[in-house]
Protein backbone atom coordinates (compact mmCIF):
# COMPACT_ATOMS: atom_id res chain seq x y z
CA MET A 1 5.73 7.06 7.35
CA SER A 2 4.50 10.61 8.71
CA GLU A 3 7.12 10.76 11.21
CA ASN A 4 9.58 11.28 8.66
CA LEU A 5 7.95 14.13 8.29
CA THR A 6 7.85 15.69 11.89
CA SER A 7 10.50 13.41 13.92
CA ASN A 8 12.86 16.32 12.35
CA LEU A 9 11.14 18.66 14.34
CA THR A 10 12.42 17.01 17.60
CA SER A 11 15.79 16.68 16.29
CA THR A 12 18.94 17.57 17.85
CA SER A 13 20.83 18.46 15.10
CA SER A 14 22.00 22.06 14.53
CA CYS A 15 21.09 21.62 10.48
CA ILE A 16 17.64 21.22 10.68
CA ASN A 17 15.18 23.88 10.63
CA ASN A 18 12.57 23.57 12.70
CA THR A 19 9.81 24.60 10.31
CA ILE A 20 7.41 22.68 8.02
CA ALA A 21 7.45 24.15 4.46
CA GLY A 22 3.87 25.69 3.51
CA TYR A 23 4.08 23.94 0.34
CA GLN A 24 3.50 20.55 2.49
CA MET A 25 0.45 22.05 4.24
CA ASP A 26 -1.04 22.82 0.65
CA LEU A 27 0.28 19.70 -1.20
CA LEU A 28 -0.50 16.73 1.50
CA PRO A 29 -4.73 17.39 1.73
CA VAL A 30 -4.86 17.82 -1.66
CA PHE A 31 -2.90 14.58 -2.99
CA TYR A 32 -3.97 12.74 0.01
CA SER A 33 -7.78 13.28 -0.37
CA PHE A 34 -7.10 12.64 -4.31
CA ILE A 35 -5.87 9.20 -3.36
CA CYS A 36 -8.42 8.36 -0.72
CA ILE A 37 -11.24 9.14 -3.07
CA PHE A 38 -9.75 7.22 -5.95
CA GLY A 39 -8.39 4.72 -4.05
CA PHE A 40 -11.11 3.55 -2.07
CA ILE A 41 -13.46 3.65 -5.29
CA GLY A 42 -11.01 1.06 -7.20
CA ASN A 43 -10.03 -1.42 -4.10
CA SER A 44 -14.04 -1.42 -3.42
CA ILE A 45 -14.61 -2.44 -6.85
CA VAL A 46 -11.85 -4.99 -6.86
CA ILE A 47 -13.23 -6.68 -4.06
CA ALA A 48 -17.04 -6.74 -4.64
CA VAL A 49 -16.22 -8.13 -8.10
CA LEU A 50 -13.87 -10.92 -6.60
CA CYS A 51 -16.00 -11.81 -4.24
CA LEU A 52 -19.34 -11.83 -6.17
CA GLN A 53 -18.09 -13.81 -9.16
CA LYS A 54 -18.05 -17.63 -8.04
CA ASN A 55 -15.72 -18.54 -10.67
CA LEU A 56 -13.13 -16.54 -9.33
CA LYS A 57 -12.01 -18.21 -6.06
CA THR A 58 -8.67 -18.83 -6.94
CA VAL A 59 -5.48 -18.85 -4.88
CA ALA A 60 -4.34 -15.24 -6.86
CA ASN A 61 -7.49 -14.11 -5.71
CA ILE A 62 -7.69 -14.57 -2.31
CA TYR A 63 -4.06 -12.21 -2.59
CA MET A 64 -5.86 -9.93 -4.34
CA VAL A 65 -8.93 -9.55 -2.19
CA ASN A 66 -6.12 -9.07 1.02
CA LEU A 67 -3.92 -6.69 -0.64
CA ALA A 68 -7.26 -4.17 -1.75
CA THR A 69 -8.02 -5.14 2.09
CA ALA A 70 -4.99 -3.57 3.42
CA ASP A 71 -4.99 -0.83 0.81
CA LEU A 72 -8.56 -0.03 2.20
CA LEU A 73 -7.63 -0.05 5.42
CA PHE A 74 -4.76 2.62 4.52
CA LEU A 75 -7.24 4.48 2.36
CA ILE A 76 -9.61 5.06 5.45
CA THR A 77 -7.28 7.19 7.31
CA LEU A 78 -6.40 9.60 5.11
CA PRO A 79 -9.10 12.18 5.37
CA PHE A 80 -7.59 11.89 8.90
CA TRP A 81 -4.00 13.05 7.72
CA ALA A 82 -5.35 15.24 4.95
CA THR A 83 -7.15 17.54 7.81
CA TYR A 84 -3.78 16.96 9.89
CA TYR A 85 -1.22 18.68 7.47
CA ALA A 86 -4.85 21.51 6.66
CA PHE A 87 -4.12 22.43 9.76
CA GLY A 88 -0.36 22.70 10.15
CA LEU A 89 0.09 19.51 12.22
CA LYS A 90 -2.24 20.20 14.73
CA TRP A 91 -3.68 16.46 15.68
CA MET A 92 -7.33 16.74 16.77
CA PHE A 93 -8.54 13.59 16.63
CA GLY A 94 -7.17 12.18 20.31
CA THR A 95 -4.50 10.03 21.32
CA VAL A 96 -6.58 7.10 20.38
CA MET A 97 -7.30 7.75 16.88
CA CYS A 98 -3.85 9.02 16.58
CA LYS A 99 -2.33 5.28 17.61
CA VAL A 100 -4.63 3.48 14.96
CA SER A 101 -4.21 5.58 12.13
CA SER A 102 -0.63 5.63 12.22
CA SER A 103 -0.83 1.46 13.17
CA LEU A 104 -3.56 1.40 9.88
CA LEU A 105 -0.80 3.13 7.87
CA THR A 106 2.07 1.04 9.06
CA LEU A 107 0.11 -2.24 8.95
CA ASN A 108 -0.70 -1.63 4.98
CA LEU A 109 3.32 -0.43 4.44
CA PHE A 110 4.14 -4.28 5.38
CA ALA A 111 0.48 -6.24 4.40
CA SER A 112 0.54 -4.66 1.31
CA ILE A 113 4.36 -5.67 -0.34
CA PHE A 114 4.13 -8.72 1.65
CA PHE A 115 1.06 -9.94 -0.36
CA ILE A 116 2.36 -8.58 -3.70
CA THR A 117 5.47 -11.18 -2.78
CA CYS A 118 2.94 -14.04 -2.27
CA MET A 119 1.31 -13.11 -5.58
CA SER A 120 4.39 -12.59 -7.17
CA ILE A 121 5.38 -16.32 -5.97
CA ASP A 122 2.11 -17.74 -6.86
CA ARG A 123 2.64 -16.50 -10.72
CA TYR A 124 6.35 -17.99 -10.68
CA MET A 125 4.88 -21.41 -9.69
CA ALA A 126 1.83 -21.27 -11.92
CA ILE A 127 3.90 -20.57 -14.92
CA VAL A 128 7.40 -22.00 -14.38
CA TYR A 129 5.51 -25.13 -12.59
CA PRO A 130 2.41 -25.40 -13.82
CA LEU A 131 1.40 -29.01 -12.82
CA ARG A 132 2.62 -28.33 -8.80
CA SER A 133 1.14 -25.56 -8.97
CA GLN A 134 -2.10 -27.06 -9.49
CA LYS A 135 -1.52 -28.75 -6.42
CA ARG A 136 -2.28 -25.46 -4.84
CA THR A 137 -5.60 -25.25 -2.71
CA LEU A 138 -7.55 -22.30 -1.36
CA THR A 139 -7.25 -23.44 2.00
CA GLN A 140 -3.38 -23.27 1.75
CA ALA A 141 -3.46 -19.67 0.54
CA ALA A 142 -6.15 -18.82 2.77
CA ILE A 143 -3.65 -19.95 5.58
CA VAL A 144 -1.07 -18.19 3.82
CA ALA A 145 -2.85 -14.52 3.74
CA ILE A 146 -3.63 -15.69 7.27
CA CYS A 147 0.20 -15.60 8.43
CA VAL A 148 0.90 -12.74 6.36
CA TRP A 149 -1.49 -10.50 8.33
CA ALA A 150 -0.10 -11.74 11.71
CA LEU A 151 3.45 -10.75 10.83
CA ALA A 152 2.13 -7.47 9.65
CA ILE A 153 0.40 -6.68 12.91
CA MET A 154 3.63 -7.83 14.89
CA ALA A 155 5.76 -5.47 12.65
CA THR A 156 3.14 -2.75 13.28
CA LEU A 157 3.10 -3.30 17.29
CA PRO A 158 5.93 -0.71 18.05
CA THR A 159 4.19 1.67 16.11
CA PHE A 160 0.95 1.47 18.05
CA HIS A 161 3.55 1.26 21.59
CA PHE A 162 5.25 4.77 20.78
CA ARG A 163 3.21 6.77 18.33
CA ASN A 164 1.73 9.70 20.43
CA THR A 165 0.19 13.26 20.65
CA TYR A 166 3.11 15.15 21.41
CA TYR A 167 3.26 18.92 21.96
CA LEU A 168 5.58 20.81 19.06
CA GLU A 169 7.13 24.19 20.93
CA TYR A 170 8.29 25.28 17.58
CA LEU A 171 4.91 24.82 15.75
CA ASP A 172 2.71 25.60 19.07
CA VAL A 173 0.75 22.05 18.16
CA HIS A 174 0.03 18.66 19.64
CA ALA A 175 1.38 16.58 17.05
CA CYS A 176 0.80 12.80 16.56
CA ILE A 177 4.54 11.75 16.09
CA MET A 178 6.62 8.69 17.38
CA ASP A 179 7.18 9.48 21.21
CA PHE A 180 10.52 7.56 21.35
CA PRO A 181 12.35 7.81 24.68
CA LYS A 182 14.18 10.82 24.67
CA ASN A 183 17.72 9.39 25.83
CA ASN A 184 17.79 7.19 23.27
CA TYR A 185 15.79 8.96 20.61
CA ILE A 186 18.01 8.55 17.43
CA SER A 187 18.83 4.91 18.06
CA TRP A 188 15.04 4.01 18.16
CA CYS A 189 14.42 6.25 14.84
CA VAL A 190 17.12 4.27 13.36
CA ALA A 191 16.23 1.35 14.40
CA MET A 192 12.58 1.58 12.93
CA SER A 193 13.50 3.11 10.12
CA LEU A 194 16.17 -0.12 8.95
CA THR A 195 13.21 -2.12 10.00
CA LYS A 196 11.35 -0.21 7.67
CA ILE A 197 13.71 -1.05 4.95
CA THR A 198 14.62 -4.25 5.32
CA PHE A 199 11.88 -6.02 6.09
CA GLY A 200 9.17 -3.63 4.20
CA PHE A 201 11.30 -2.90 1.23
CA CYS A 202 14.80 -4.96 0.79
CA MET A 203 13.56 -8.08 1.07
CA PRO A 204 10.68 -8.34 -0.39
CA VAL A 205 11.79 -6.82 -3.20
CA THR A 206 14.65 -9.28 -3.70
CA VAL A 207 12.23 -11.82 -3.72
CA ILE A 208 9.82 -10.18 -6.13
CA ILE A 209 12.40 -9.16 -8.84
CA THR A 210 13.69 -12.90 -8.61
CA CYS A 211 10.78 -14.03 -9.68
CA TYR A 212 10.26 -12.37 -12.52
CA LEU A 213 13.60 -12.62 -13.67
CA LYS A 214 13.16 -16.35 -13.52
CA ILE A 215 9.58 -15.86 -15.16
CA GLY A 216 11.16 -13.69 -17.81
CA LEU A 217 14.14 -16.28 -18.27
CA HIS A 218 11.40 -19.14 -18.31
CA PHE A 219 9.19 -17.58 -21.13
CA LYS A 220 12.81 -16.60 -23.41
CA ASN A 221 14.26 -20.55 -23.13
CA SER A 222 10.46 -22.21 -23.37
CA LYS A 223 10.02 -24.22 -26.96
CA GLY A 224 7.45 -25.12 -28.41
CA PRO A 225 3.86 -23.82 -28.42
CA ILE A 226 3.74 -23.55 -24.71
CA LEU A 227 3.09 -19.75 -25.18
CA ASN A 228 2.67 -18.12 -28.49
CA LYS A 229 4.44 -14.64 -28.78
CA GLN A 230 1.98 -12.43 -28.49
CA SER A 231 0.86 -13.90 -25.18
CA ARG A 232 4.41 -14.16 -24.00
CA ASP A 233 4.41 -10.22 -24.63
CA ARG A 234 1.36 -9.53 -23.26
CA VAL A 235 2.66 -11.18 -19.79
CA LEU A 236 5.91 -9.58 -19.98
CA LYS A 237 4.38 -6.23 -20.17
CA ILE A 238 2.32 -6.77 -17.14
CA VAL A 239 5.06 -8.07 -15.55
CA THR A 240 7.44 -5.31 -16.04
CA ALA A 241 4.51 -3.02 -15.25
CA ILE A 242 4.36 -4.45 -11.81
CA VAL A 243 7.70 -4.57 -10.72
CA VAL A 244 8.87 -0.91 -12.34
CA CYS A 245 5.62 0.87 -11.13
CA PHE A 246 6.30 -0.84 -7.73
CA LEU A 247 9.80 0.43 -7.52
CA VAL A 248 8.74 3.98 -9.20
CA CYS A 249 6.30 4.20 -5.95
CA TRP A 250 8.67 3.34 -3.32
CA LEU A 251 12.31 3.29 -3.97
CA PRO A 252 12.19 7.33 -3.32
CA PHE A 253 10.84 6.98 0.07
CA TYR A 254 12.73 4.27 0.79
CA THR A 255 16.09 5.93 -0.62
CA LEU A 256 15.00 9.08 1.98
CA THR A 257 14.56 7.29 4.74
CA PHE A 258 17.92 5.43 4.43
CA LEU A 259 19.37 9.12 3.82
CA ASP A 260 18.18 10.29 6.54
CA VAL A 261 19.16 7.31 8.62
CA LEU A 262 22.39 7.71 7.82
CA THR A 263 22.36 11.67 8.54
CA ARG A 264 20.99 10.51 12.26
CA MET A 265 23.95 8.06 12.30
CA GLU A 266 26.35 11.31 11.31
CA VAL A 267 27.52 9.31 8.55
CA ILE A 268 26.31 12.23 6.78
CA LYS A 269 27.28 15.61 7.89
CA ASP A 270 26.41 17.76 4.93
CA CYS A 271 23.58 20.35 5.99
CA ARG A 272 22.46 20.34 2.61
CA THR A 273 21.93 16.74 2.12
CA GLU A 274 19.75 16.59 5.51
CA ALA A 275 17.75 19.63 4.13
CA LEU A 276 17.19 17.74 0.72
CA VAL A 277 15.77 14.94 2.40
CA GLU A 278 13.66 16.76 4.47
CA ALA A 279 12.36 18.51 1.21
CA ALA A 280 11.70 15.37 -0.70
CA LEU A 281 10.21 13.08 1.83
CA PRO A 282 6.86 14.86 1.29
CA ILE A 283 6.80 14.20 -2.25
CA SER A 284 8.24 10.57 -1.94
CA ILE A 285 5.65 9.48 0.21
CA CYS A 286 2.53 10.85 -1.90
CA LEU A 287 3.88 8.89 -4.74
CA ALA A 288 4.69 5.49 -2.22
CA PHE A 289 0.81 6.05 -1.17
CA SER A 290 -0.19 6.55 -4.58
CA ASN A 291 0.64 2.57 -5.09
CA SER A 292 -2.70 2.22 -3.65
CA CYS A 293 -4.59 3.56 -6.28
CA ILE A 294 -2.79 1.83 -9.01
CA ASN A 295 -2.59 -1.70 -7.38
CA PRO A 296 -6.15 -2.24 -8.84
CA LEU A 297 -5.26 -1.34 -12.26
CA LEU A 298 -2.23 -3.06 -12.69
CA TYR A 299 -3.17 -6.66 -10.85
CA CYS A 300 -7.11 -6.56 -11.88
CA PHE A 301 -7.63 -4.31 -14.67
CA VAL A 302 -4.53 -5.09 -16.60
CA GLY A 303 -3.21 -8.53 -15.42
CA ASN A 304 -6.67 -10.74 -15.10
CA GLN A 305 -9.53 -9.65 -17.72
CA PHE A 306 -10.83 -7.65 -15.05
CA ARG A 307 -12.86 -5.87 -16.77
CA GLU A 308 -15.27 -7.90 -18.53
CA ASN A 309 -15.72 -9.69 -14.97
CA PHE A 310 -16.63 -6.36 -14.20
CA ARG A 311 -19.15 -6.22 -16.83
CA HIS A 312 -20.48 -9.20 -15.68
CA VAL A 313 -20.91 -8.43 -12.72
CA MET A 314 -22.82 -4.64 -13.50
CA SER A 315 -25.31 -7.19 -15.65
CA SER A 316 -26.21 -9.10 -12.70
CA ILE A 317 -27.09 -6.18 -10.95
CA LYS A 318 -28.72 -4.57 -13.92
CA LEU A 319 -30.57 -7.57 -14.59
CA LEU A 320 -31.38 -8.04 -11.00
CA ARG A 321 -32.31 -4.17 -10.55
CA SER A 322 -34.62 -4.87 -13.72
CA THR A 323 -36.29 -7.96 -12.04
CA ASN A 324 -36.97 -6.31 -8.66
CA SER A 325 -38.67 -3.03 -10.31
CA GLN A 326 -40.92 -5.58 -12.46
CA HIS A 327 -41.72 -7.33 -9.20
CA SER A 328 -42.77 -4.21 -7.33
CA SER A 329 -44.63 -2.67 -10.21
CA SER A 330 -46.89 -5.96 -11.02
CA ARG A 331 -47.07 -5.89 -7.02
CA LYS A 332 -48.77 -2.21 -6.67
CA GLY A 333 -50.64 -3.07 -9.74
CA SER A 334 -52.20 -6.21 -7.96
CA ASP A 335 -52.83 -3.73 -4.59
CA LEU A 336 -54.68 -1.35 -6.89
CA ARG A 337 -56.77 -3.93 -8.30
């Protein structure tokens, strides 16, 4: 996504001011560092708890672990991007790390939304068709997860191929940007952006919203003691929070990306719109990246009684430490005797 901040610098548009606003150099490193620290802690806890608890081996949790893994792969690249913007778009880590860091970022973009979509479908099946959903197996979920990673990797290949270090004359730095062929640079930018918008947002969001709307209708139309009002309201609140949070985090970025596509295709020729897109993209990217911090809260801490499971794991760790400490003390006493 970082090409959205720098690709305009190589554009031939007469509207674009070939400079980077100073606030971007101050805002992005601080925000990236914040997201990296808290997101890494949150997602690490999610993976640890779900993997250590034997009774948590479910289809939904397999998707959660993979979602947290996708977020972690992205989060480990943020120190590189924070340094990159702190030094005014000067990439100091070589071409290989430029490709790898950018590819992991794009991989997270696709993998995270794909796994969120899988979780939405799983929730829909579990609530609307509970008897049919009981036939789901962990093996099937693992196969789906492998397919999701394969699709996300395929969608990432163009980024790995085209991402490169490129000298920006206006800033006098070697930046890490998408090095598309110059003779059809705009076409490649448009194609890449439309691919992300279509497969990384529009199609998955359509599936997610459809699933949750059907869940809501199912609760509304259900009769008898299937779910009491309190349980129904709690689930609906969680479902609403998931959809709203995802849209709040990602919709601004994809909206601005679509506006950028329209300006590159010269559908929009207003320089003020181009300036607005260029100025607002950094904020929208920060908001999108923050979803990696929020995911652990929404999918585990709020919706899956995660706090109880976390306390159980912590209690087990404390008990293990206490046992080891007593064993160590007993051994020392034996050695002294």
